[in-house]
């Protein structure tokens, strides 16, 4: 998991990280127009969690993948201006904005198949 500086559909992710053993649930979010950061008006999803195929197999006493999310709750969102609804940055250039980050956090939900 991390900031890969590439979107889920970029070759660097699709050809080098995702294969028969690893899947990227962030791809569906990105294809649906969601993102964790914005660059020149375009949503990007550089922050991704790549999971091994084991999280997609339903077996007793194992955690299985349920859903991928972007944590874009109001207190993390810019409340005003031309960047309204985008991540509320700590700094914009050298100017302190009072926010948290230029990226929304991402997470996955796992379910224990006990």
PDB file of N, CA and C in Angstrom:
ATOM      1  N   UNK A   1       0.832  -1.172   0.000  1.00  0.00           N
ATOM      2  CA  UNK A   1       0.000   0.000   0.000  1.00  0.00           C
ATOM      3  C   UNK A   1       0.877   1.235   0.000  1.00  0.00           C
ATOM      4  N   UNK A   2       0.353   2.306  -0.555  1.00  0.00           N
ATOM      5  CA  UNK A   2       1.100   3.545  -0.539  1.00  0.00           C
ATOM      6  C   UNK A   2       0.734   4.470  -1.675  1.00  0.00           C
ATOM      7  N   UNK A   3       1.500   5.538  -1.788  1.00  0.00           N
ATOM      8  CA  UNK A   3       1.361   6.508  -2.852  1.00  0.00           C
ATOM      9  C   UNK A   3       2.300   6.075  -3.973  1.00  0.00           C
ATOM     10  N   UNK A   4       1.734   5.540  -5.040  1.00  0.00           N
ATOM     11  CA  UNK A   4       2.528   4.993  -6.138  1.00  0.00           C
ATOM     12  C   UNK A   4       2.874   6.037  -7.208  1.00  0.00           C
ATOM     13  N   UNK A   5       2.330   7.239  -7.077  1.00  0.00           N
ATOM     14  CA  UNK A   5       2.509   8.303  -8.071  1.00  0.00           C
ATOM     15  C   UNK A   5       2.039   7.886  -9.459  1.00  0.00           C
ATOM     16  N   UNK A   6       1.158   6.919  -9.519  1.00  0.00           N
ATOM     17  CA  UNK A   6       0.508   6.486 -10.751  1.00  0.00           C
ATOM     18  C   UNK A   6      -0.912   6.062 -10.414  1.00  0.00           C
ATOM     19  N   UNK A   7      -1.801   6.153 -11.383  1.00  0.00           N
ATOM     20  CA  UNK A   7      -3.184   5.734 -11.204  1.00  0.00           C
ATOM     21  C   UNK A   7      -3.320   4.224 -11.388  1.00  0.00           C
ATOM     22  N   UNK A   8      -4.413   3.639 -10.899  1.00  0.00           N
ATOM     23  CA  UNK A   8      -4.585   2.184 -10.987  1.00  0.00           C
ATOM     24  C   UNK A   8      -4.564   1.618 -12.405  1.00  0.00           C
ATOM     25  N   UNK A   9      -4.906   2.432 -13.407  1.00  0.00           N
ATOM     26  CA  UNK A   9      -4.916   1.924 -14.779  1.00  0.00           C
ATOM     27  C   UNK A   9      -3.614   2.176 -15.531  1.00  0.00           C
ATOM     28  N   UNK A  10      -2.627   2.773 -14.882  1.00  0.00           N
ATOM     29  CA  UNK A  10      -1.333   3.008 -15.534  1.00  0.00           C
ATOM     30  C   UNK A  10      -0.560   1.693 -15.694  1.00  0.00           C
ATOM     31  N   UNK A  11       0.254   1.637 -16.749  1.00  0.00           N
ATOM     32  CA  UNK A  11       1.038   0.429 -17.030  1.00  0.00           C
ATOM     33  C   UNK A  11       1.925   0.006 -15.859  1.00  0.00           C
ATOM     34  N   UNK A  12       2.485   0.984 -15.150  1.00  0.00           N
ATOM     35  CA  UNK A  12       3.383   0.657 -14.039  1.00  0.00           C
ATOM     36  C   UNK A  12       2.675  -0.176 -12.966  1.00  0.00           C
ATOM     37  N   UNK A  13       1.387   0.038 -12.801  1.00  0.00           N
ATOM     38  CA  UNK A  13       0.601  -0.734 -11.828  1.00  0.00           C
ATOM     39  C   UNK A  13       0.086  -2.010 -12.489  1.00  0.00           C
ATOM     40  N   UNK A  14      -0.563  -1.865 -13.641  1.00  0.00           N
ATOM     41  CA  UNK A  14      -1.205  -2.990 -14.317  1.00  0.00           C
ATOM     42  C   UNK A  14      -0.235  -4.072 -14.778  1.00  0.00           C
ATOM     43  N   UNK A  15       0.928  -3.676 -15.224  1.00  0.00           N
ATOM     44  CA  UNK A  15       1.868  -4.651 -15.789  1.00  0.00           C
ATOM     45  C   UNK A  15       2.938  -5.126 -14.812  1.00  0.00           C
ATOM     46  N   UNK A  16       3.151  -4.370 -13.709  1.00  0.00           N
ATOM     47  CA  UNK A  16       4.259  -4.709 -12.821  1.00  0.00           C
ATOM     48  C   UNK A  16       3.843  -5.060 -11.396  1.00  0.00           C
ATOM     49  N   UNK A  17       2.635  -4.680 -10.980  1.00  0.00           N
ATOM     50  CA  UNK A  17       2.189  -5.002  -9.619  1.00  0.00           C
ATOM     51  C   UNK A  17       0.986  -5.940  -9.598  1.00  0.00           C
ATOM     52  N   UNK A  18       0.088  -5.778 -10.539  1.00  0.00           N
ATOM     53  CA  UNK A  18      -1.120  -6.590 -10.589  1.00  0.00           C
ATOM     54  C   UNK A  18      -0.875  -7.771 -11.517  1.00  0.00           C
ATOM     55  N   UNK A  19      -1.157  -8.972 -11.017  1.00  0.00           N
ATOM     56  CA  UNK A  19      -0.984 -10.184 -11.819  1.00  0.00           C
ATOM     57  C   UNK A  19      -1.903 -11.262 -11.261  1.00  0.00           C
ATOM     58  N   UNK A  20      -1.630 -12.524 -11.565  1.00  0.00           N
ATOM     59  CA  UNK A  20      -2.505 -13.603 -11.085  1.00  0.00           C
ATOM     60  C   UNK A  20      -2.485 -13.743  -9.558  1.00  0.00           C
ATOM     61  N   UNK A  21      -1.473 -13.184  -8.898  1.00  0.00           N
ATOM     62  CA  UNK A  21      -1.373 -13.300  -7.442  1.00  0.00           C
ATOM     63  C   UNK A  21      -1.758 -12.034  -6.679  1.00  0.00           C
ATOM     64  N   UNK A  22      -1.820 -10.901  -7.364  1.00  0.00           N
ATOM     65  CA  UNK A  22      -2.114  -9.630  -6.700  1.00  0.00           C
ATOM     66  C   UNK A  22      -3.188  -8.861  -7.467  1.00  0.00           C
ATOM     67  N   UNK A  23      -4.146  -8.320  -6.716  1.00  0.00           N
ATOM     68  CA  UNK A  23      -5.251  -7.571  -7.313  1.00  0.00           C
ATOM     69  C   UNK A  23      -5.298  -6.165  -6.732  1.00  0.00           C
ATOM     70  N   UNK A  24      -5.885  -5.269  -7.506  1.00  0.00           N
ATOM     71  CA  UNK A  24      -5.969  -3.875  -7.098  1.00  0.00           C
ATOM     72  C   UNK A  24      -7.430  -3.421  -7.042  1.00  0.00           C
ATOM     73  N   UNK A  25      -8.044  -3.432  -5.860  1.00  0.00           N
ATOM     74  CA  UNK A  25      -9.442  -3.003  -5.753  1.00  0.00           C
ATOM     75  C   UNK A  25      -9.642  -1.509  -6.002  1.00  0.00           C
ATOM     76  N   UNK A  26      -8.570  -0.738  -6.050  1.00  0.00           N
ATOM     77  CA  UNK A  26      -8.668   0.698  -6.321  1.00  0.00           C
ATOM     78  C   UNK A  26      -9.053   0.981  -7.762  1.00  0.00           C
ATOM     79  N   UNK A  27      -8.825   0.042  -8.651  1.00  0.00           N
ATOM     80  CA  UNK A  27      -9.127   0.252 -10.064  1.00  0.00           C
ATOM     81  C   UNK A  27     -10.611   0.559 -10.269  1.00  0.00           C
ATOM     82  N   UNK A  28     -11.481  -0.155  -9.599  1.00  0.00           N
ATOM     83  CA  UNK A  28     -12.925   0.079  -9.738  1.00  0.00           C
ATOM     84  C   UNK A  28     -13.305   1.481  -9.262  1.00  0.00           C
ATOM     85  N   UNK A  29     -12.727   1.931  -8.144  1.00  0.00           N
ATOM     86  CA  UNK A  29     -12.988   3.289  -7.662  1.00  0.00           C
ATOM     87  C   UNK A  29     -12.582   4.315  -8.714  1.00  0.00           C
ATOM     88  N   UNK A  30     -11.399   4.134  -9.260  1.00  0.00           N
ATOM     89  CA  UNK A  30     -10.866   5.078 -10.241  1.00  0.00           C
ATOM     90  C   UNK A  30     -11.716   5.102 -11.511  1.00  0.00           C
ATOM     91  N   UNK A  31     -12.129   3.918 -11.969  1.00  0.00           N
ATOM     92  CA  UNK A  31     -12.972   3.851 -13.169  1.00  0.00           C
ATOM     93  C   UNK A  31     -14.325   4.531 -12.949  1.00  0.00           C
ATOM     94  N   UNK A  32     -14.755   4.618 -11.687  1.00  0.00           N
ATOM     95  CA  UNK A  32     -16.008   5.288 -11.350  1.00  0.00           C
ATOM     96  C   UNK A  32     -15.817   6.782 -11.085  1.00  0.00           C
ATOM     97  N   UNK A  33     -14.635   7.313 -11.432  1.00  0.00           N
ATOM     98  CA  UNK A  33     -14.387   8.743 -11.322  1.00  0.00           C
ATOM     99  C   UNK A  33     -13.969   9.229  -9.955  1.00  0.00           C
ATOM    100  N   UNK A  34     -13.646   8.316  -9.053  1.00  0.00           N
ATOM    101  CA  UNK A  34     -13.234   8.708  -7.716  1.00  0.00           C
ATOM    102  C   UNK A  34     -11.721   8.872  -7.638  1.00  0.00           C
ATOM    103  N   UNK A  35     -11.290   9.704  -6.708  1.00  0.00           N
ATOM    104  CA  UNK A  35      -9.869   9.916  -6.526  1.00  0.00           C
ATOM    105  C   UNK A  35      -9.556  10.370  -5.121  1.00  0.00           C
ATOM    106  N   UNK A  36      -8.282  10.328  -4.773  1.00  0.00           N
ATOM    107  CA  UNK A  36      -7.823  10.732  -3.445  1.00  0.00           C
ATOM    108  C   UNK A  36      -7.121  12.087  -3.471  1.00  0.00           C
ATOM    109  N   UNK A  37      -6.786  12.560  -4.672  1.00  0.00           N
ATOM    110  CA  UNK A  37      -6.165  13.876  -4.816  1.00  0.00           C
ATOM    111  C   UNK A  37      -6.556  14.442  -6.176  1.00  0.00           C
ATOM    112  N   UNK A  38      -6.409  15.745  -6.291  1.00  0.00           N
ATOM    113  CA  UNK A  38      -6.768  16.395  -7.549  1.00  0.00           C
ATOM    114  C   UNK A  38      -5.569  17.161  -8.081  1.00  0.00           C
ATOM    115  N   UNK A  39      -5.357  17.046  -9.386  1.00  0.00           N
ATOM    116  CA  UNK A  39      -4.242  17.721 -10.035  1.00  0.00           C
ATOM    117  C   UNK A  39      -4.777  18.371 -11.299  1.00  0.00           C
ATOM    118  N   UNK A  40      -4.723  19.706 -11.338  1.00  0.00           N
ATOM    119  CA  UNK A  40      -5.260  20.484 -12.459  1.00  0.00           C
ATOM    120  C   UNK A  40      -6.685  20.050 -12.822  1.00  0.00           C
ATOM    121  N   UNK A  41      -7.516  19.924 -11.798  1.00  0.00           N
ATOM    122  CA  UNK A  41      -8.926  19.614 -11.998  1.00  0.00           C
ATOM    123  C   UNK A  41      -9.240  18.158 -12.270  1.00  0.00           C
ATOM    124  N   UNK A  42      -8.247  17.292 -12.290  1.00  0.00           N
ATOM    125  CA  UNK A  42      -8.428  15.868 -12.586  1.00  0.00           C
ATOM    126  C   UNK A  42      -8.219  15.047 -11.311  1.00  0.00           C
ATOM    127  N   UNK A  43      -9.195  14.190 -10.978  1.00  0.00           N
ATOM    128  CA  UNK A  43      -9.025  13.311  -9.825  1.00  0.00           C
ATOM    129  C   UNK A  43      -7.988  12.246 -10.134  1.00  0.00           C
ATOM    130  N   UNK A  44      -7.088  12.027  -9.185  1.00  0.00           N
ATOM    131  CA  UNK A  44      -6.041  11.011  -9.281  1.00  0.00           C
ATOM    132  C   UNK A  44      -6.216  10.027  -8.121  1.00  0.00           C
ATOM    133  N   UNK A  45      -5.788   8.806  -8.334  1.00  0.00           N
ATOM    134  CA  UNK A  45      -5.847   7.810  -7.263  1.00  0.00           C
ATOM    135  C   UNK A  45      -4.489   7.133  -7.148  1.00  0.00           C
ATOM    136  N   UNK A  46      -3.516   7.930  -6.737  1.00  0.00           N
ATOM    137  CA  UNK A  46      -2.153   7.422  -6.559  1.00  0.00           C
ATOM    138  C   UNK A  46      -2.037   6.539  -5.328  1.00  0.00           C
ATOM    139  N   UNK A  47      -2.896   6.774  -4.342  1.00  0.00           N
ATOM    140  CA  UNK A  47      -2.872   6.018  -3.082  1.00  0.00           C
ATOM    141  C   UNK A  47      -3.689   4.744  -3.276  1.00  0.00           C
ATOM    142  N   UNK A  48      -3.021   3.599  -3.169  1.00  0.00           N
ATOM    143  CA  UNK A  48      -3.665   2.330  -3.477  1.00  0.00           C
ATOM    144  C   UNK A  48      -3.232   1.242  -2.504  1.00  0.00           C
ATOM    145  N   UNK A  49      -4.102   0.259  -2.376  1.00  0.00           N
ATOM    146  CA  UNK A  49      -3.808  -0.914  -1.557  1.00  0.00           C
ATOM    147  C   UNK A  49      -3.918  -2.131  -2.471  1.00  0.00           C
ATOM    148  N   UNK A  50      -2.804  -2.762  -2.723  1.00  0.00           N
ATOM    149  CA  UNK A  50      -2.752  -3.961  -3.568  1.00  0.00           C
ATOM    150  C   UNK A  50      -2.856  -5.174  -2.641  1.00  0.00           C
ATOM    151  N   UNK A  51      -3.769  -6.084  -2.958  1.00  0.00           N
ATOM    152  CA  UNK A  51      -4.004  -7.250  -2.097  1.00  0.00           C
ATOM    153  C   UNK A  51      -3.647  -8.547  -2.806  1.00  0.00           C
ATOM    154  N   UNK A  52      -3.166  -9.504  -2.034  1.00  0.00           N
ATOM    155  CA  UNK A  52      -2.900 -10.822  -2.607  1.00  0.00           C
ATOM    156  C   UNK A  52      -4.229 -11.517  -2.887  1.00  0.00           C
ATOM    157  N   UNK A  53      -4.189 -12.470  -3.804  1.00  0.00           N
ATOM    158  CA  UNK A  53      -5.409 -13.176  -4.215  1.00  0.00           C
ATOM    159  C   UNK A  53      -6.088 -13.880  -3.043  1.00  0.00           C
ATOM    160  N   UNK A  54      -5.331 -14.170  -1.983  1.00  0.00           N
ATOM    161  CA  UNK A  54      -5.907 -14.864  -0.834  1.00  0.00           C
ATOM    162  C   UNK A  54      -7.046 -14.077  -0.185  1.00  0.00           C
ATOM    163  N   UNK A  55      -7.009 -12.761  -0.290  1.00  0.00           N
ATOM    164  CA  UNK A  55      -8.070 -11.936   0.305  1.00  0.00           C
ATOM    165  C   UNK A  55      -9.370 -11.994  -0.495  1.00  0.00           C
ATOM    166  N   UNK A  56      -9.355 -12.632  -1.649  1.00  0.00           N
ATOM    167  CA  UNK A  56     -10.547 -12.734  -2.479  1.00  0.00           C
ATOM    168  C   UNK A  56     -11.122 -14.149  -2.473  1.00  0.00           C
ATOM    169  N   UNK A  57     -10.503 -15.045  -1.717  1.00  0.00           N
ATOM    170  CA  UNK A  57     -10.967 -16.426  -1.612  1.00  0.00           C
ATOM    171  C   UNK A  57     -11.735 -16.603  -0.308  1.00  0.00           C
ATOM    172  N   UNK A  58     -12.902 -17.157  -0.400  1.00  0.00           N
ATOM    173  CA  UNK A  58     -13.761 -17.325   0.772  1.00  0.00           C
ATOM    174  C   UNK A  58     -13.482 -18.677   1.434  1.00  0.00           C
ATOM    175  N   UNK A  59     -12.727 -18.628   2.522  1.00  0.00           N
ATOM    176  CA  UNK A  59     -12.409 -19.837   3.282  1.00  0.00           C
ATOM    177  C   UNK A  59     -12.604 -19.555   4.759  1.00  0.00           C
ATOM    178  N   UNK A  60     -12.979 -20.558   5.539  1.00  0.00           N
ATOM    179  CA  UNK A  60     -13.154 -20.351   6.985  1.00  0.00           C
ATOM    180  C   UNK A  60     -11.865 -19.856   7.638  1.00  0.00           C
ATOM    181  N   UNK A  61     -12.017 -19.017   8.651  1.00  0.00           N
ATOM    182  CA  UNK A  61     -10.910 -18.486   9.453  1.00  0.00           C
ATOM    183  C   UNK A  61      -9.922 -17.637   8.644  1.00  0.00           C
ATOM    184  N   UNK A  62     -10.411 -17.007   7.601  1.00  0.00           N
ATOM    185  CA  UNK A  62      -9.579 -16.108   6.801  1.00  0.00           C
ATOM    186  C   UNK A  62     -10.290 -14.773   6.637  1.00  0.00           C
ATOM    187  N   UNK A  63      -9.499 -13.738   6.479  1.00  0.00           N
ATOM    188  CA  UNK A  63     -10.061 -12.432   6.152  1.00  0.00           C
ATOM    189  C   UNK A  63     -10.269 -12.359   4.649  1.00  0.00           C
ATOM    190  N   UNK A  64     -11.419 -11.851   4.233  1.00  0.00           N
ATOM    191  CA  UNK A  64     -11.697 -11.691   2.812  1.00  0.00           C
ATOM    192  C   UNK A  64     -12.033 -10.231   2.513  1.00  0.00           C
ATOM    193  N   UNK A  65     -11.670  -9.814   1.333  1.00  0.00           N
ATOM    194  CA  UNK A  65     -11.916  -8.452   0.888  1.00  0.00           C
ATOM    195  C   UNK A  65     -13.412  -8.202   0.756  1.00  0.00           C
ATOM    196  N   UNK A  66     -13.844  -7.024   1.242  1.00  0.00           N
ATOM    197  CA  UNK A  66     -15.232  -6.615   1.104  1.00  0.00           C
ATOM    198  C   UNK A  66     -15.381  -5.411   0.170  1.00  0.00           C
ATOM    199  N   UNK A  67     -14.594  -4.343   0.457  1.00  0.00           N
ATOM    200  CA  UNK A  67     -14.758  -3.115  -0.322  1.00  0.00           C
ATOM    201  C   UNK A  67     -13.571  -2.182  -0.111  1.00  0.00           C
ATOM    202  N   UNK A  68     -13.249  -1.414  -1.144  1.00  0.00           N
ATOM    203  CA  UNK A  68     -12.229  -0.368  -1.060  1.00  0.00           C
ATOM    204  C   UNK A  68     -12.941   0.978  -0.914  1.00  0.00           C
ATOM    205  N   UNK A  69     -12.328   1.889  -0.153  1.00  0.00           N
ATOM    206  CA  UNK A  69     -12.939   3.195   0.100  1.00  0.00           C
ATOM    207  C   UNK A  69     -11.898   4.308   0.046  1.00  0.00           C
ATOM    208  N   UNK A  70     -12.407   5.514  -0.189  1.00  0.00           N
ATOM    209  CA  UNK A  70     -11.631   6.741  -0.038  1.00  0.00           C
ATOM    210  C   UNK A  70     -12.267   7.500   1.107  1.00  0.00           C
ATOM    211  N   UNK A  71     -11.487   7.838   2.112  1.00  0.00           N
ATOM    212  CA  UNK A  71     -11.989   8.511   3.314  1.00  0.00           C
ATOM    213  C   UNK A  71     -12.012  10.021   3.062  1.00  0.00           C
ATOM    214  N   UNK A  72     -13.107  10.497   2.456  1.00  0.00           N
ATOM    215  CA  UNK A  72     -13.227  11.907   2.100  1.00  0.00           C
ATOM    216  C   UNK A  72     -14.350  12.578   2.894  1.00  0.00           C
ATOM    217  N   UNK A  73     -14.251  12.464   4.199  1.00  0.00           N
ATOM    218  CA  UNK A  73     -15.251  13.041   5.103  1.00  0.00           C
ATOM    219  C   UNK A  73     -15.108  14.567   5.150  1.00  0.00           C
ATOM    220  N   UNK A  74     -16.157  15.281   5.561  1.00  0.00           N
ATOM    221  CA  UNK A  74     -16.140  16.746   5.513  1.00  0.00           C
ATOM    222  C   UNK A  74     -14.965  17.430   6.198  1.00  0.00           C
ATOM    223  N   UNK A  75     -14.520  16.951   7.361  1.00  0.00           N
ATOM    224  CA  UNK A  75     -13.444  17.665   8.045  1.00  0.00           C
ATOM    225  C   UNK A  75     -12.110  17.579   7.304  1.00  0.00           C
ATOM    226  N   UNK A  76     -11.968  16.657   6.349  1.00  0.00           N
ATOM    227  CA  UNK A  76     -10.755  16.548   5.534  1.00  0.00           C
ATOM    228  C   UNK A  76     -10.894  17.288   4.197  1.00  0.00           C
ATOM    229  N   UNK A  77     -12.063  17.868   3.968  1.00  0.00           N
ATOM    230  CA  UNK A  77     -12.385  18.479   2.688  1.00  0.00           C
ATOM    231  C   UNK A  77     -12.308  19.994   2.761  1.00  0.00           C
ATOM    232  N   UNK A  78     -11.745  20.612   1.736  1.00  0.00           N
ATOM    233  CA  UNK A  78     -11.656  22.068   1.675  1.00  0.00           C
ATOM    234  C   UNK A  78     -13.063  22.659   1.662  1.00  0.00           C
ATOM    235  N   UNK A  79     -13.363  23.560   2.596  1.00  0.00           N
ATOM    236  CA  UNK A  79     -14.724  24.077   2.711  1.00  0.00           C
ATOM    237  C   UNK A  79     -15.045  25.258   1.800  1.00  0.00           C
ATOM    238  N   UNK A  80     -14.051  25.799   1.076  1.00  0.00           N
ATOM    239  CA  UNK A  80     -14.322  27.036   0.335  1.00  0.00           C
ATOM    240  C   UNK A  80     -13.398  27.196  -0.879  1.00  0.00           C
ATOM    241  N   UNK A  81     -13.720  28.194  -1.677  1.00  0.00           N
ATOM    242  CA  UNK A  81     -12.867  28.587  -2.783  1.00  0.00           C
ATOM    243  C   UNK A  81     -12.921  27.663  -3.980  1.00  0.00           C
ATOM    244  N   UNK A  82     -11.984  27.879  -4.881  1.00  0.00           N
ATOM    245  CA  UNK A  82     -11.977  27.096  -6.122  1.00  0.00           C
ATOM    246  C   UNK A  82     -11.593  25.637  -5.900  1.00  0.00           C
ATOM    247  N   UNK A  83     -11.052  25.312  -4.726  1.00  0.00           N
ATOM    248  CA  UNK A  83     -10.692  23.924  -4.410  1.00  0.00           C
ATOM    249  C   UNK A  83     -11.683  23.288  -3.445  1.00  0.00           C
ATOM    250  N   UNK A  84     -12.877  23.858  -3.367  1.00  0.00           N
ATOM    251  CA  UNK A  84     -13.920  23.307  -2.503  1.00  0.00           C
ATOM    252  C   UNK A  84     -14.180  21.842  -2.874  1.00  0.00           C
ATOM    253  N   UNK A  85     -14.357  21.019  -1.850  1.00  0.00           N
ATOM    254  CA  UNK A  85     -14.611  19.568  -1.954  1.00  0.00           C
ATOM    255  C   UNK A  85     -13.362  18.746  -2.269  1.00  0.00           C
ATOM    256  N   UNK A  86     -12.235  19.383  -2.432  1.00  0.00           N
ATOM    257  CA  UNK A  86     -10.977  18.675  -2.626  1.00  0.00           C
ATOM    258  C   UNK A  86     -10.311  18.468  -1.260  1.00  0.00           C
ATOM    259  N   UNK A  87      -9.258  17.652  -1.198  1.00  0.00           N
ATOM    260  CA  UNK A  87      -8.550  17.503   0.081  1.00  0.00           C
ATOM    261  C   UNK A  87      -8.090  18.863   0.614  1.00  0.00           C
ATOM    262  N   UNK A  88      -8.275  19.063   1.914  1.00  0.00           N
ATOM    263  CA  UNK A  88      -7.915  20.319   2.572  1.00  0.00           C
ATOM    264  C   UNK A  88      -6.436  20.264   2.923  1.00  0.00           C
ATOM    265  N   UNK A  89      -5.626  20.951   2.147  1.00  0.00           N
ATOM    266  CA  UNK A  89      -4.168  20.926   2.271  1.00  0.00           C
ATOM    267  C   UNK A  89      -3.685  21.629   3.540  1.00  0.00           C
ATOM    268  N   UNK A  90      -2.547  21.202   4.024  1.00  0.00           N
ATOM    269  CA  UNK A  90      -1.872  21.895   5.118  1.00  0.00           C
ATOM    270  C   UNK A  90      -1.247  23.179   4.567  1.00  0.00           C
ATOM    271  N   UNK A  91      -0.560  23.053   3.441  1.00  0.00           N
ATOM    272  CA  UNK A  91       0.077  24.195   2.787  1.00  0.00           C
ATOM    273  C   UNK A  91      -0.328  24.230   1.318  1.00  0.00           C
ATOM    274  N   UNK A  92      -0.403  25.418   0.794  1.00  0.00           N
ATOM    275  CA  UNK A  92      -0.521  25.627  -0.642  1.00  0.00           C
ATOM    276  C   UNK A  92       0.657  26.517  -1.007  1.00  0.00           C
ATOM    277  N   UNK A  93       1.684  25.905  -1.569  1.00  0.00           N
ATOM    278  CA  UNK A  93       2.940  26.629  -1.758  1.00  0.00           C
ATOM    279  C   UNK A  93       3.536  26.925  -0.398  1.00  0.00           C
ATOM    280  N   UNK A  94       3.863  28.179  -0.131  1.00  0.00           N
ATOM    281  CA  UNK A  94       4.427  28.554   1.165  1.00  0.00           C
ATOM    282  C   UNK A  94       3.358  29.049   2.145  1.00  0.00           C
ATOM    283  N   UNK A  95       2.103  28.983   1.736  1.00  0.00           N
ATOM    284  CA  UNK A  95       1.014  29.530   2.558  1.00  0.00           C
ATOM    285  C   UNK A  95       0.300  28.443   3.343  1.00  0.00           C
ATOM    286  N   UNK A  96       0.263  28.617   4.649  1.00  0.00           N
ATOM    287  CA  UNK A  96      -0.405  27.672   5.546  1.00  0.00           C
ATOM    288  C   UNK A  96      -1.919  27.770   5.364  1.00  0.00           C
ATOM    289  N   UNK A  97      -2.555  26.643   5.136  1.00  0.00           N
ATOM    290  CA  UNK A  97      -4.003  26.588   4.917  1.00  0.00           C
ATOM    291  C   UNK A  97      -4.773  26.046   6.116  1.00  0.00           C
ATOM    292  N   UNK A  98      -4.085  25.293   6.963  1.00  0.00           N
ATOM    293  CA  UNK A  98      -4.741  24.743   8.145  1.00  0.00           C
ATOM    294  C   UNK A  98      -5.366  23.382   7.953  1.00  0.00           C
ATOM    295  N   UNK A  99      -5.178  22.771   6.793  1.00  0.00           N
ATOM    296  CA  UNK A  99      -5.768  21.462   6.522  1.00  0.00           C
ATOM    297  C   UNK A  99      -4.871  20.318   6.960  1.00  0.00           C
ATOM    298  N   UNK A 100      -5.091  19.156   6.357  1.00  0.00           N
ATOM    299  CA  UNK A 100      -4.422  17.937   6.790  1.00  0.00           C
ATOM    300  C   UNK A 100      -3.460  17.362   5.755  1.00  0.00           C
ATOM    301  N   UNK A 101      -3.886  17.302   4.501  1.00  0.00           N
ATOM    302  CA  UNK A 101      -3.070  16.661   3.475  1.00  0.00           C
ATOM    303  C   UNK A 101      -3.624  17.032   2.104  1.00  0.00           C
ATOM    304  N   UNK A 102      -2.823  16.826   1.071  1.00  0.00           N
ATOM    305  CA  UNK A 102      -3.319  17.026  -0.287  1.00  0.00           C
ATOM    306  C   UNK A 102      -3.888  15.730  -0.871  1.00  0.00           C
ATOM    307  N   UNK A 103      -3.958  14.680  -0.047  1.00  0.00           N
ATOM    308  CA  UNK A 103      -4.557  13.402  -0.443  1.00  0.00           C
ATOM    309  C   UNK A 103      -5.565  12.978   0.628  1.00  0.00           C
ATOM    310  N   UNK A 104      -6.679  12.394   0.183  1.00  0.00           N
ATOM    311  CA  UNK A 104      -7.574  11.728   1.126  1.00  0.00           C
ATOM    312  C   UNK A 104      -6.991  10.352   1.445  1.00  0.00           C
ATOM    313  N   UNK A 105      -7.167   9.866   2.666  1.00  0.00           N
ATOM    314  CA  UNK A 105      -6.726   8.501   2.981  1.00  0.00           C
ATOM    315  C   UNK A 105      -7.569   7.455   2.235  1.00  0.00           C
ATOM    316  N   UNK A 106      -6.975   6.313   2.005  1.00  0.00           N
ATOM    317  CA  UNK A 106      -7.688   5.185   1.402  1.00  0.00           C
ATOM    318  C   UNK A 106      -7.635   4.007   2.377  1.00  0.00           C
ATOM    319  N   UNK A 107      -8.632   3.131   2.283  1.00  0.00           N
ATOM    320  CA  UNK A 107      -8.647   1.949   3.139  1.00  0.00           C
ATOM    321  C   UNK A 107      -9.490   0.852   2.497  1.00  0.00           C
ATOM    322  N   UNK A 108      -9.332  -0.353   2.993  1.00  0.00           N
ATOM    323  CA  UNK A 108     -10.161  -1.475   2.551  1.00  0.00           C
ATOM    324  C   UNK A 108     -10.859  -2.084   3.765  1.00  0.00           C
ATOM    325  N   UNK A 109     -12.019  -2.648   3.512  1.00  0.00           N
ATOM    326  CA  UNK A 109     -12.734  -3.385   4.555  1.00  0.00           C
ATOM    327  C   UNK A 109     -12.533  -4.871   4.303  1.00  0.00           C
ATOM    328  N   UNK A 110     -12.154  -5.570   5.350  1.00  0.00           N
ATOM    329  CA  UNK A 110     -11.965  -7.015   5.303  1.00  0.00           C
ATOM    330  C   UNK A 110     -12.955  -7.655   6.258  1.00  0.00           C
ATOM    331  N   UNK A 111     -13.406  -8.850   5.950  1.00  0.00           N
ATOM    332  CA  UNK A 111     -14.349  -9.565   6.799  1.00  0.00           C
ATOM    333  C   UNK A 111     -13.742 -10.894   7.181  1.00  0.00           C
ATOM    334  N   UNK A 112     -13.868 -11.241   8.469  1.00  0.00           N
ATOM    335  CA  UNK A 112     -13.354 -12.525   8.951  1.00  0.00           C
ATOM    336  C   UNK A 112     -14.404 -13.600   8.684  1.00  0.00           C
ATOM    337  N   UNK A 113     -14.031 -14.605   7.920  1.00  0.00           N
ATOM    338  CA  UNK A 113     -14.920 -15.719   7.614  1.00  0.00           C
ATOM    339  C   UNK A 113     -14.755 -16.807   8.659  1.00  0.00           C
ATOM    340  N   UNK A 114     -15.137 -16.503   9.883  1.00  0.00           N
ATOM    341  CA  UNK A 114     -14.986 -17.468  10.979  1.00  0.00           C
ATOM    342  C   UNK A 114     -16.091 -18.484  10.974  1.00  0.00           C
TER     343      UNK A 114
END
